[in-house]
């Protein structure tokens, strides 16, 4: 089982990034996918979730209207489009696959929002 995040980097405030998380080794289509983030010195927090088959999504209040989660069940990949980035979005972003009591985590990708 692998979840490999990519797309992080340094971006100026107001800019955009698109994170990707490529999955392998499990039945991606049947798993809900979630992006979490953890800033230095803070607890990990949920950013956005998309159910299996993409029937519904949910976002943290802090990112609503700025971030969009989507999935491609052919490519076994989940995305996080991040627009209007703010310095407080700086964190390591992790993707997570969940089905029933089974959870898989990626290693994360670092996003830094700074001028």
N, C-alpha and C. Protein backbone atom coordinates (compact mmCIF):
# COMPACT_ATOMS: atom_id res chain seq x y z
N UNK A 1 0.85 -1.20 0.00
CA UNK A 1 0.00 0.00 0.00
C UNK A 1 0.88 1.24 0.00
N UNK A 2 0.55 2.16 -0.89
CA UNK A 2 1.29 3.42 -0.93
C UNK A 2 0.35 4.58 -1.19
N UNK A 3 0.60 5.68 -0.49
CA UNK A 3 0.00 6.98 -0.79
C UNK A 3 1.16 7.95 -0.92
N UNK A 4 1.30 8.54 -2.09
CA UNK A 4 2.44 9.42 -2.35
C UNK A 4 1.93 10.81 -2.71
N UNK A 5 2.17 11.75 -1.82
CA UNK A 5 1.76 13.14 -2.05
C UNK A 5 2.82 13.88 -2.85
N UNK A 6 2.37 14.85 -3.64
CA UNK A 6 3.28 15.70 -4.39
C UNK A 6 2.59 17.04 -4.64
N UNK A 7 3.39 18.01 -5.10
CA UNK A 7 2.83 19.31 -5.47
C UNK A 7 3.06 20.41 -4.47
N UNK A 8 3.65 20.08 -3.33
CA UNK A 8 3.93 21.11 -2.34
C UNK A 8 5.07 22.01 -2.78
N UNK A 9 5.28 23.08 -2.04
CA UNK A 9 6.36 23.99 -2.35
C UNK A 9 6.16 25.33 -1.69
N UNK A 10 6.94 26.29 -2.14
CA UNK A 10 6.87 27.66 -1.63
C UNK A 10 6.02 28.51 -2.57
N UNK A 11 5.06 29.21 -2.01
CA UNK A 11 4.18 30.06 -2.81
C UNK A 11 3.92 31.36 -2.06
N UNK A 12 3.71 32.43 -2.80
CA UNK A 12 3.42 33.71 -2.16
C UNK A 12 1.96 33.77 -1.72
N UNK A 13 1.68 34.58 -0.71
CA UNK A 13 0.27 34.77 -0.31
C UNK A 13 -0.58 35.18 -1.50
N UNK A 14 -1.77 34.58 -1.57
CA UNK A 14 -2.65 34.83 -2.70
C UNK A 14 -2.46 33.88 -3.85
N UNK A 15 -1.40 33.10 -3.80
CA UNK A 15 -1.11 32.18 -4.88
C UNK A 15 -1.88 30.87 -4.77
N UNK A 16 -1.58 29.97 -5.69
CA UNK A 16 -2.28 28.68 -5.76
C UNK A 16 -1.29 27.53 -5.86
N UNK A 17 -1.73 26.39 -5.37
CA UNK A 17 -1.00 25.13 -5.53
C UNK A 17 -2.01 24.02 -5.72
N UNK A 18 -1.60 22.98 -6.41
CA UNK A 18 -2.43 21.79 -6.54
C UNK A 18 -1.65 20.61 -6.01
N UNK A 19 -2.15 20.02 -4.95
CA UNK A 19 -1.54 18.82 -4.39
C UNK A 19 -2.16 17.59 -5.02
N UNK A 20 -1.34 16.57 -5.19
CA UNK A 20 -1.81 15.28 -5.69
C UNK A 20 -1.41 14.18 -4.70
N UNK A 21 -2.21 13.15 -4.66
CA UNK A 21 -1.88 11.98 -3.84
C UNK A 21 -2.19 10.75 -4.67
N UNK A 22 -1.14 10.06 -5.08
CA UNK A 22 -1.28 8.86 -5.91
C UNK A 22 -1.33 7.63 -5.02
N UNK A 23 -2.36 6.82 -5.22
CA UNK A 23 -2.56 5.63 -4.38
C UNK A 23 -2.24 4.37 -5.17
N UNK A 24 -1.79 3.36 -4.45
CA UNK A 24 -1.56 2.05 -5.06
C UNK A 24 -1.61 0.98 -3.99
N UNK A 25 -1.95 -0.23 -4.42
CA UNK A 25 -1.92 -1.35 -3.51
C UNK A 25 -3.21 -1.64 -2.76
N UNK A 26 -4.25 -0.87 -3.04
CA UNK A 26 -5.54 -1.13 -2.40
C UNK A 26 -6.65 -0.64 -3.33
N UNK A 27 -7.88 -0.97 -2.99
CA UNK A 27 -9.03 -0.63 -3.84
C UNK A 27 -9.44 0.82 -3.62
N UNK A 28 -8.71 1.70 -4.26
CA UNK A 28 -8.88 3.15 -4.07
C UNK A 28 -10.33 3.58 -4.19
N UNK A 29 -11.03 3.04 -5.17
CA UNK A 29 -12.38 3.50 -5.47
C UNK A 29 -13.33 3.33 -4.29
N UNK A 30 -13.04 2.41 -3.40
CA UNK A 30 -13.95 2.13 -2.30
C UNK A 30 -13.58 2.85 -1.01
N UNK A 31 -12.58 3.70 -1.07
CA UNK A 31 -12.11 4.41 0.11
C UNK A 31 -12.50 5.89 0.05
N UNK A 32 -12.90 6.42 1.20
CA UNK A 32 -12.99 7.87 1.35
C UNK A 32 -11.57 8.42 1.45
N UNK A 33 -11.37 9.59 0.90
CA UNK A 33 -10.04 10.20 0.89
C UNK A 33 -10.10 11.55 1.59
N UNK A 34 -9.10 11.79 2.42
CA UNK A 34 -9.07 13.00 3.23
C UNK A 34 -7.68 13.63 3.16
N UNK A 35 -7.67 14.94 3.08
CA UNK A 35 -6.43 15.70 3.25
C UNK A 35 -6.41 16.27 4.67
N UNK A 36 -5.29 16.06 5.34
CA UNK A 36 -5.03 16.66 6.64
C UNK A 36 -3.81 17.57 6.51
N UNK A 37 -3.62 18.41 7.50
CA UNK A 37 -2.40 19.21 7.55
C UNK A 37 -1.95 19.38 8.99
N UNK A 38 -0.67 19.59 9.12
CA UNK A 38 -0.10 19.81 10.45
C UNK A 38 0.94 20.91 10.36
N UNK A 39 0.68 22.00 11.04
CA UNK A 39 1.61 23.11 11.09
C UNK A 39 2.58 22.89 12.25
N UNK A 40 3.75 23.50 12.20
CA UNK A 40 4.73 23.34 13.28
C UNK A 40 4.13 23.71 14.63
N UNK A 41 4.26 22.82 15.60
CA UNK A 41 3.77 23.10 16.94
C UNK A 41 2.27 22.95 17.12
N UNK A 42 1.58 22.50 16.09
CA UNK A 42 0.13 22.36 16.16
C UNK A 42 -0.29 20.92 15.90
N UNK A 43 -1.52 20.60 16.27
CA UNK A 43 -2.05 19.27 16.02
C UNK A 43 -2.47 19.14 14.56
N UNK A 44 -2.49 17.89 14.12
CA UNK A 44 -2.96 17.62 12.77
C UNK A 44 -4.45 17.93 12.68
N UNK A 45 -4.86 18.58 11.59
CA UNK A 45 -6.26 18.94 11.42
C UNK A 45 -6.78 18.51 10.06
N UNK A 46 -8.07 18.19 10.04
CA UNK A 46 -8.70 17.81 8.79
C UNK A 46 -8.88 19.04 7.91
N UNK A 47 -8.55 18.90 6.64
CA UNK A 47 -8.69 19.98 5.68
C UNK A 47 -9.91 19.75 4.79
N UNK A 48 -9.97 18.56 4.17
CA UNK A 48 -11.06 18.27 3.24
C UNK A 48 -11.21 16.77 3.08
N UNK A 49 -12.44 16.34 2.88
CA UNK A 49 -12.75 14.92 2.69
C UNK A 49 -13.64 14.75 1.47
N UNK A 50 -13.42 13.65 0.76
CA UNK A 50 -14.31 13.29 -0.34
C UNK A 50 -14.66 11.81 -0.17
N UNK A 51 -15.94 11.52 -0.29
CA UNK A 51 -16.38 10.14 -0.08
C UNK A 51 -15.99 9.27 -1.28
N UNK A 52 -16.11 7.97 -1.09
CA UNK A 52 -15.88 7.06 -2.21
C UNK A 52 -16.86 7.40 -3.32
N UNK A 53 -16.41 7.33 -4.54
CA UNK A 53 -17.18 7.71 -5.73
C UNK A 53 -17.45 9.20 -5.79
N UNK A 54 -16.89 9.97 -4.88
CA UNK A 54 -16.99 11.42 -4.95
C UNK A 54 -18.38 11.96 -4.75
N UNK A 55 -19.22 11.24 -4.02
CA UNK A 55 -20.60 11.68 -3.88
C UNK A 55 -20.75 12.93 -3.05
N UNK A 56 -19.84 13.12 -2.10
CA UNK A 56 -19.94 14.33 -1.29
C UNK A 56 -18.56 14.74 -0.79
N UNK A 57 -18.46 16.01 -0.43
CA UNK A 57 -17.22 16.57 0.08
C UNK A 57 -17.50 17.36 1.34
N UNK A 58 -16.47 17.56 2.12
CA UNK A 58 -16.59 18.33 3.35
C UNK A 58 -15.27 19.07 3.56
N UNK A 59 -15.38 20.29 4.08
CA UNK A 59 -14.19 21.14 4.24
C UNK A 59 -14.14 21.75 5.63
N UNK A 60 -12.92 21.99 6.08
CA UNK A 60 -12.74 22.79 7.28
C UNK A 60 -13.20 24.21 7.00
N UNK A 61 -13.76 24.86 7.99
CA UNK A 61 -14.24 26.23 7.80
C UNK A 61 -13.14 27.15 7.30
N UNK A 62 -11.92 26.90 7.73
CA UNK A 62 -10.80 27.78 7.39
C UNK A 62 -10.42 27.74 5.92
N UNK A 63 -10.87 26.71 5.19
CA UNK A 63 -10.49 26.59 3.78
C UNK A 63 -11.68 26.63 2.84
N UNK A 64 -12.89 26.69 3.38
CA UNK A 64 -14.08 26.72 2.52
C UNK A 64 -14.04 27.89 1.57
N UNK A 65 -14.35 27.61 0.32
CA UNK A 65 -14.35 28.65 -0.71
C UNK A 65 -12.99 28.88 -1.33
N UNK A 66 -11.94 28.31 -0.76
CA UNK A 66 -10.58 28.49 -1.29
C UNK A 66 -9.98 27.18 -1.79
N UNK A 67 -10.31 26.08 -1.13
CA UNK A 67 -9.74 24.77 -1.48
C UNK A 67 -10.83 23.89 -2.09
N UNK A 68 -10.41 23.02 -3.01
CA UNK A 68 -11.33 22.07 -3.61
C UNK A 68 -10.67 20.69 -3.66
N UNK A 69 -11.37 19.71 -3.11
CA UNK A 69 -10.89 18.32 -3.17
C UNK A 69 -11.60 17.61 -4.31
N UNK A 70 -10.86 16.77 -5.02
CA UNK A 70 -11.46 15.98 -6.10
C UNK A 70 -10.70 14.66 -6.20
N UNK A 71 -11.26 13.73 -6.93
CA UNK A 71 -10.62 12.43 -7.09
C UNK A 71 -10.81 11.92 -8.50
N UNK A 72 -9.84 11.13 -8.95
CA UNK A 72 -9.89 10.47 -10.24
C UNK A 72 -9.75 8.98 -9.96
N UNK A 73 -10.85 8.26 -10.06
CA UNK A 73 -10.84 6.84 -9.73
C UNK A 73 -10.25 5.97 -10.84
N UNK A 74 -9.93 6.56 -11.96
CA UNK A 74 -9.20 5.84 -13.01
C UNK A 74 -7.71 5.92 -12.72
N UNK A 75 -7.26 7.09 -12.30
CA UNK A 75 -5.84 7.28 -11.99
C UNK A 75 -5.50 6.96 -10.53
N UNK A 76 -6.53 6.62 -9.74
CA UNK A 76 -6.31 6.35 -8.30
C UNK A 76 -5.56 7.50 -7.63
N UNK A 77 -6.08 8.69 -7.86
CA UNK A 77 -5.42 9.88 -7.36
C UNK A 77 -6.45 10.83 -6.77
N UNK A 78 -6.09 11.46 -5.68
CA UNK A 78 -6.92 12.51 -5.09
C UNK A 78 -6.13 13.82 -5.16
N UNK A 79 -6.87 14.90 -5.36
CA UNK A 79 -6.25 16.20 -5.55
C UNK A 79 -6.76 17.19 -4.51
N UNK A 80 -5.96 18.20 -4.25
CA UNK A 80 -6.40 19.33 -3.44
C UNK A 80 -5.95 20.60 -4.15
N UNK A 81 -6.91 21.29 -4.74
CA UNK A 81 -6.63 22.57 -5.38
C UNK A 81 -6.74 23.64 -4.31
N UNK A 82 -5.67 24.38 -4.12
CA UNK A 82 -5.61 25.39 -3.07
C UNK A 82 -5.40 26.76 -3.71
N UNK A 83 -6.38 27.63 -3.55
CA UNK A 83 -6.32 28.98 -4.10
C UNK A 83 -6.32 30.00 -2.96
N UNK A 84 -5.95 31.22 -3.30
CA UNK A 84 -5.94 32.31 -2.32
C UNK A 84 -5.22 31.90 -1.04
N UNK A 85 -4.05 31.34 -1.21
CA UNK A 85 -3.32 30.81 -0.07
C UNK A 85 -2.89 31.92 0.89
N UNK A 86 -2.91 31.56 2.17
CA UNK A 86 -2.55 32.48 3.23
C UNK A 86 -1.35 31.92 4.01
N UNK A 87 -0.61 32.78 4.69
CA UNK A 87 0.52 32.27 5.49
C UNK A 87 0.08 31.20 6.49
N UNK A 88 -1.13 31.31 7.01
CA UNK A 88 -1.60 30.32 7.98
C UNK A 88 -1.93 28.97 7.35
N UNK A 89 -1.86 28.87 6.04
CA UNK A 89 -2.01 27.57 5.36
C UNK A 89 -0.69 26.79 5.35
N UNK A 90 0.38 27.42 5.78
CA UNK A 90 1.68 26.75 5.84
C UNK A 90 1.60 25.54 6.76
N UNK A 91 1.95 24.38 6.21
CA UNK A 91 1.85 23.12 6.96
C UNK A 91 2.37 21.98 6.09
N UNK A 92 2.51 20.83 6.72
CA UNK A 92 2.73 19.62 5.95
C UNK A 92 1.36 19.00 5.70
N UNK A 93 1.10 18.69 4.46
CA UNK A 93 -0.20 18.17 4.05
C UNK A 93 -0.09 16.66 3.79
N UNK A 94 -1.03 15.94 4.38
CA UNK A 94 -1.04 14.48 4.29
C UNK A 94 -2.35 14.02 3.65
N UNK A 95 -2.27 12.97 2.85
CA UNK A 95 -3.51 12.35 2.41
C UNK A 95 -3.72 11.05 3.18
N UNK A 96 -4.98 10.71 3.31
CA UNK A 96 -5.39 9.58 4.14
C UNK A 96 -6.53 8.86 3.43
N UNK A 97 -6.45 7.54 3.39
CA UNK A 97 -7.51 6.70 2.82
C UNK A 97 -8.20 5.94 3.94
N UNK A 98 -9.51 5.96 3.94
CA UNK A 98 -10.26 5.33 5.03
C UNK A 98 -11.42 4.51 4.48
N UNK A 99 -11.55 3.31 5.02
CA UNK A 99 -12.72 2.48 4.75
C UNK A 99 -12.94 1.61 5.98
N UNK A 100 -14.09 1.80 6.59
CA UNK A 100 -14.42 1.08 7.82
C UNK A 100 -13.31 1.34 8.85
N UNK A 101 -12.66 0.32 9.36
CA UNK A 101 -11.62 0.48 10.38
C UNK A 101 -10.22 0.54 9.79
N UNK A 102 -10.12 0.57 8.46
CA UNK A 102 -8.82 0.56 7.80
C UNK A 102 -8.45 1.97 7.38
N UNK A 103 -7.23 2.37 7.72
CA UNK A 103 -6.73 3.70 7.37
C UNK A 103 -5.30 3.60 6.87
N UNK A 104 -5.03 4.29 5.77
CA UNK A 104 -3.67 4.39 5.23
C UNK A 104 -3.29 5.86 5.19
N UNK A 105 -2.00 6.13 5.43
CA UNK A 105 -1.49 7.50 5.43
C UNK A 105 -0.32 7.62 4.47
N UNK A 106 -0.20 8.79 3.87
CA UNK A 106 0.98 9.12 3.11
C UNK A 106 2.02 9.79 4.01
N UNK A 107 3.16 10.12 3.41
CA UNK A 107 4.26 10.72 4.16
C UNK A 107 4.17 12.25 4.22
N UNK A 108 3.35 12.82 3.38
CA UNK A 108 3.13 14.26 3.42
C UNK A 108 3.95 15.04 2.42
N UNK A 109 3.46 16.25 2.14
CA UNK A 109 4.18 17.19 1.29
C UNK A 109 4.07 18.57 1.95
N UNK A 110 5.18 19.31 1.92
CA UNK A 110 5.26 20.57 2.65
C UNK A 110 4.78 21.73 1.79
N UNK A 111 3.91 22.53 2.36
CA UNK A 111 3.44 23.75 1.72
C UNK A 111 3.86 24.94 2.58
N UNK A 112 4.55 25.88 1.96
CA UNK A 112 4.97 27.08 2.67
C UNK A 112 4.43 28.30 1.92
N UNK A 113 3.66 29.11 2.64
CA UNK A 113 3.09 30.31 2.06
C UNK A 113 3.79 31.50 2.69
N UNK A 114 4.60 32.18 1.90
CA UNK A 114 5.40 33.27 2.43
C UNK A 114 5.84 34.19 1.32
N UNK A 115 5.98 35.47 1.65
CA UNK A 115 6.49 36.43 0.68
C UNK A 115 8.00 36.59 0.84
